[in-house]
Structure formats: C-alpha cells, structure tokens
Protein backbone atom coordinates (compact mmCIF):
# COMPACT_ATOMS: atom_id res chain seq x y z
CA MET A 1 -1.02 43.21 344.11
CA GLY A 2 -3.45 46.54 343.22
CA ALA A 3 -3.88 47.92 340.26
CA GLN A 4 -0.90 49.69 340.62
CA GLY A 5 1.13 47.38 341.27
CA PRO A 6 4.05 45.36 339.42
CA GLN A 7 1.69 42.65 338.38
CA SER A 8 -1.21 45.64 336.59
CA GLY A 9 2.19 46.10 334.00
CA THR A 10 1.22 47.12 330.84
CA ASP A 11 3.59 44.21 328.89
CA GLY A 12 2.28 41.45 330.76
CA ARG A 13 5.80 39.97 330.77
CA HIS A 14 5.72 39.50 334.42
CA ARG A 15 3.13 37.15 334.32
CA ARG A 16 4.66 34.37 332.83
CA CYS A 17 7.52 34.09 335.15
CA CYS A 18 8.06 30.60 336.32
CA ALA A 19 10.99 30.70 338.38
CA LEU A 20 11.86 34.27 340.53
CA VAL A 21 15.49 34.42 342.05
CA HIS A 22 16.42 36.81 344.08
CA ALA A 23 20.17 38.44 344.77
CA SER A 24 20.17 41.17 346.05
CA SER A 25 23.10 41.56 348.23
CA LEU A 26 25.14 44.73 349.92
CA PRO A 27 28.51 43.60 350.90
CA PRO A 28 29.16 43.30 355.03
CA GLN A 29 30.10 46.52 356.68
CA GLN A 30 32.04 47.56 359.63
CA GLY A 31 32.19 46.11 363.03
CA CYS A 32 28.60 47.14 364.81
CA LEU A 33 30.67 49.60 366.98
CA PRO A 34 32.07 51.59 363.55
CA HIS A 35 28.61 51.62 362.29
CA ARG A 36 26.40 54.63 361.29
CA ARG A 37 23.16 55.66 361.19
CA ALA A 38 23.35 55.07 356.97
CA ALA A 39 24.70 51.79 357.35
CA LEU A 40 22.11 50.31 359.43
CA SER A 41 19.61 52.12 356.98
CA THR A 42 20.83 51.10 353.64
CA HIS A 43 20.54 47.64 355.29
CA GLN A 44 17.25 47.98 356.86
CA HIS A 45 15.45 47.81 353.58
CA GLN A 46 17.37 44.48 352.92
CA PRO A 47 14.10 42.38 353.71
CA ALA A 48 11.74 44.31 351.87
CA ARG A 49 13.16 43.80 348.13
CA PRO A 50 12.30 40.28 348.15
CA TYR A 51 9.26 40.89 349.79
CA LEU A 52 8.03 43.34 347.02
CA LEU A 53 9.26 40.89 343.78
CA VAL A 54 7.25 38.11 345.83
CA GLN A 55 4.01 40.09 346.10
CA ALA A 56 4.60 41.31 342.36
CA LEU A 57 5.08 37.87 341.40
CA ALA A 58 4.10 35.03 343.45
CA PRO A 59 0.20 35.57 342.63
CA ALA A 60 0.58 34.46 339.07
CA MET A 61 2.33 31.61 340.21
CA VAL A 62 0.24 30.62 342.58
CA GLN A 63 -2.80 31.19 339.30
CA ARG A 64 -0.69 29.08 337.43
CA GLY A 65 -0.56 26.03 340.15
CA HIS A 66 3.59 26.15 340.11
CA GLY A 67 6.86 27.83 339.86
CA ALA A 68 9.88 28.17 341.88
CA ILE A 69 11.45 31.43 344.04
CA ILE A 70 14.96 30.77 345.39
CA ASN A 71 16.40 33.32 347.67
CA ILE A 72 20.48 33.86 347.48
CA SER A 73 20.91 33.97 350.95
CA SER A 74 24.72 33.21 352.53
CA GLY A 75 26.69 31.59 354.95
CA ALA A 76 27.10 34.68 357.14
CA THR A 77 23.16 33.54 358.98
CA THR A 78 24.99 30.55 360.39
CA THR A 79 29.24 31.65 360.53
CA PRO A 80 29.99 34.36 362.69
CA GLY A 81 32.06 36.72 361.07
CA PRO A 82 33.64 40.59 361.85
CA GLY A 83 31.93 42.97 360.15
CA THR A 84 29.00 40.75 358.81
CA GLY A 85 26.38 41.24 362.03
CA ILE A 86 23.92 43.20 359.63
CA TYR A 87 24.49 41.54 357.04
CA GLY A 88 24.18 38.08 358.22
CA ALA A 89 21.20 39.29 360.11
CA THR A 90 19.61 40.92 357.11
CA LYS A 91 19.95 37.15 355.53
CA ALA A 92 18.73 35.43 358.32
CA ALA A 93 15.62 37.53 357.84
CA LEU A 94 15.79 36.75 353.93
CA GLU A 95 15.70 32.99 355.01
CA SER A 96 12.77 33.07 357.08
CA LEU A 97 10.24 34.96 354.59
CA THR A 98 11.40 31.91 352.32
CA ARG A 99 10.03 29.14 355.36
CA VAL A 100 7.07 31.74 355.88
CA TRP A 101 6.67 31.88 351.72
CA ALA A 102 7.13 28.03 351.59
CA ALA A 103 4.22 27.26 353.84
CA GLU A 104 2.01 30.02 352.16
CA PHE A 105 2.72 29.13 348.87
CA GLY A 106 3.58 25.47 348.37
CA PRO A 107 -0.76 24.12 349.08
CA ALA A 108 -0.70 25.90 345.09
CA GLY A 109 2.33 24.32 344.03
CA VAL A 110 5.15 27.29 344.45
CA ARG A 111 8.09 26.17 345.83
CA VAL A 112 9.89 28.71 347.87
CA ASN A 113 13.67 27.64 348.80
CA ALA A 114 16.83 29.57 349.62
CA LEU A 115 20.64 29.16 348.88
CA ALA A 116 23.32 30.34 351.34
CA ALA A 117 26.06 30.94 349.35
CA GLY A 118 29.19 31.08 350.36
CA PRO A 119 32.80 33.07 349.66
CA THR A 120 31.96 33.35 345.88
CA ARG A 121 34.62 34.86 342.68
CA THR A 122 32.43 37.72 341.09
CA GLU A 123 33.37 40.85 339.34
CA GLY A 124 31.51 42.67 342.54
CA THR A 125 34.05 40.43 345.17
CA ALA A 126 37.07 41.24 343.30
CA ALA A 127 37.12 44.53 345.31
CA PHE A 128 38.02 43.25 348.53
CA GLY A 129 41.73 41.65 346.74
CA ASP A 130 43.62 39.41 349.24
CA ALA A 131 41.21 39.34 351.97
CA PHE A 132 38.24 37.81 350.46
CA GLU A 133 41.03 35.17 348.89
CA ALA A 134 41.65 33.94 352.30
CA ALA A 135 37.93 33.61 353.28
CA GLY A 136 37.89 30.68 350.41
CA LYS A 137 40.81 29.07 352.65
CA ALA A 138 39.11 29.24 355.19
CA VAL A 139 35.89 26.67 353.39
CA ALA A 140 36.88 22.56 353.38
CA LEU A 141 37.81 22.72 349.68
CA GLN A 142 39.90 25.39 350.33
CA ARG A 143 38.59 27.54 347.65
CA LEU A 144 36.35 30.34 346.65
CA ALA A 145 33.05 29.55 344.47
CA ASP A 146 32.87 30.51 340.93
CA ALA A 147 29.79 32.04 340.30
CA GLU A 148 28.77 29.06 338.05
CA GLU A 149 29.04 27.18 340.18
CA ILE A 150 26.69 28.84 342.70
CA ALA A 151 24.15 29.36 339.12
CA GLY A 152 24.05 25.77 338.62
CA ALA A 153 22.69 25.12 342.68
CA VAL A 154 20.03 27.63 341.92
CA THR A 155 19.55 26.06 338.23
CA PHE A 156 18.46 22.48 340.31
CA LEU A 157 16.59 24.29 342.90
CA ALA A 158 14.71 26.09 340.54
CA SER A 159 14.35 22.16 338.67
CA GLN A 160 11.21 19.74 338.58
CA ALA A 161 14.50 17.75 339.76
CA ALA A 162 13.74 19.78 342.97
CA GLY A 163 10.65 19.08 342.82
CA TYR A 164 9.81 17.89 346.81
CA ILE A 165 12.40 20.69 347.85
CA ASN A 166 10.15 23.37 349.50
CA GLY A 167 11.11 25.73 352.79
CA THR A 168 14.72 24.50 352.94
CA THR A 169 17.91 26.46 352.55
CA LEU A 170 20.42 24.70 350.72
CA SER A 171 24.40 25.13 351.42
CA ALA A 172 26.40 25.93 348.65
CA MET A 173 29.57 27.49 350.75
CA GLY A 174 32.18 24.79 350.23
CA GLY A 175 31.99 22.09 353.88
CA MET A 176 32.93 23.02 356.74
CA PRO A 177 36.64 22.62 357.58
CA ALA A 178 37.82 19.98 359.91
CA LEU A 179 38.77 21.06 363.09
CA GLY A 180 42.26 20.17 364.72
C-alpha cells in the first residue's frame, strides 16, 4: 500500500500482525422483492472491507514469511433461506476472495481460510428472538452454536496445527440433519 494506507501508520502495531480475523457482518434483510436500494447499497460494500484489511496487513505477513488470514463466512452461502440472498451472496464473494488470496499469498507462507459459521448465539443475534432459536433446531446438533465454539475453530485455523490448510472454507454449522 502507498504512503497514505494503514501500513504506513506511525505506531507500527499493525506490522506485527500474525493473524487477521475478519468477522464483519450485516444481518440478513428481507426477501428480494421488498428490498430497497439502501439495503442493497449497505450490503454491496461488504466484500470491500476485508479487501482493504488484507491490502493493509498482508504485505507485512508476506515479508515475514508467515501469517494467517481467517474470514468469517456463513452457512448462507450454501444453504438458502428466505431473506438471506444478498447476505449469502456477499459471504460467497468473501469465500471467493479467500481462495484467491490463498493462491496469491500461500507461496509466501501466508495461509488464508474462511470459516462458515452456523447460527451462533451472540449479543447481536439475541435481537432475532425465537425465530433465530428455531434456526438452531435445523442443524444436526439441534442447537445454536456458542460464540466460544466458533472462536475455537478460528483459533485452530490461526494455529500451526492448521499449517497445511489453505484456501478452504471450514464448516462450523452444526452438521446437516438427516432427511426422512
């Protein structure tokens, strides 16, 4: 990045970054037909945020010859749900960037992966109430994930135990339920 970018900050703290975890998210909106341009505009910038972070922090990781970038994705990329179209599309774009960056930075020792998180109980999701609790019943474990469980998967991806994992999306979605 040029002299105006985050990499040229005066305190240098970002230069020591060994792992970048991008967890930006906006909740799913309404279905396609009732969407307003404002909702579309809000979601269309989602892929730009991790791009700017990676652009700022990856060069130092490449220079050091190691690092891990973990993008938090969602089951909405593969499991359709009413009202999740734009949200799922932005997370699918993030998974695509994950694969591109893995190929781009992998030869320099920087691993890039995504974690597709299933329905997770957080302060932010509490506002969705019973409808969100029902989403937990739709997975094989028949419950919502706790944030600590998702954090454990992120910790694994950032660790040397995942040293040969690159360019993939790890599913932490509670498993697919049996049909029938």
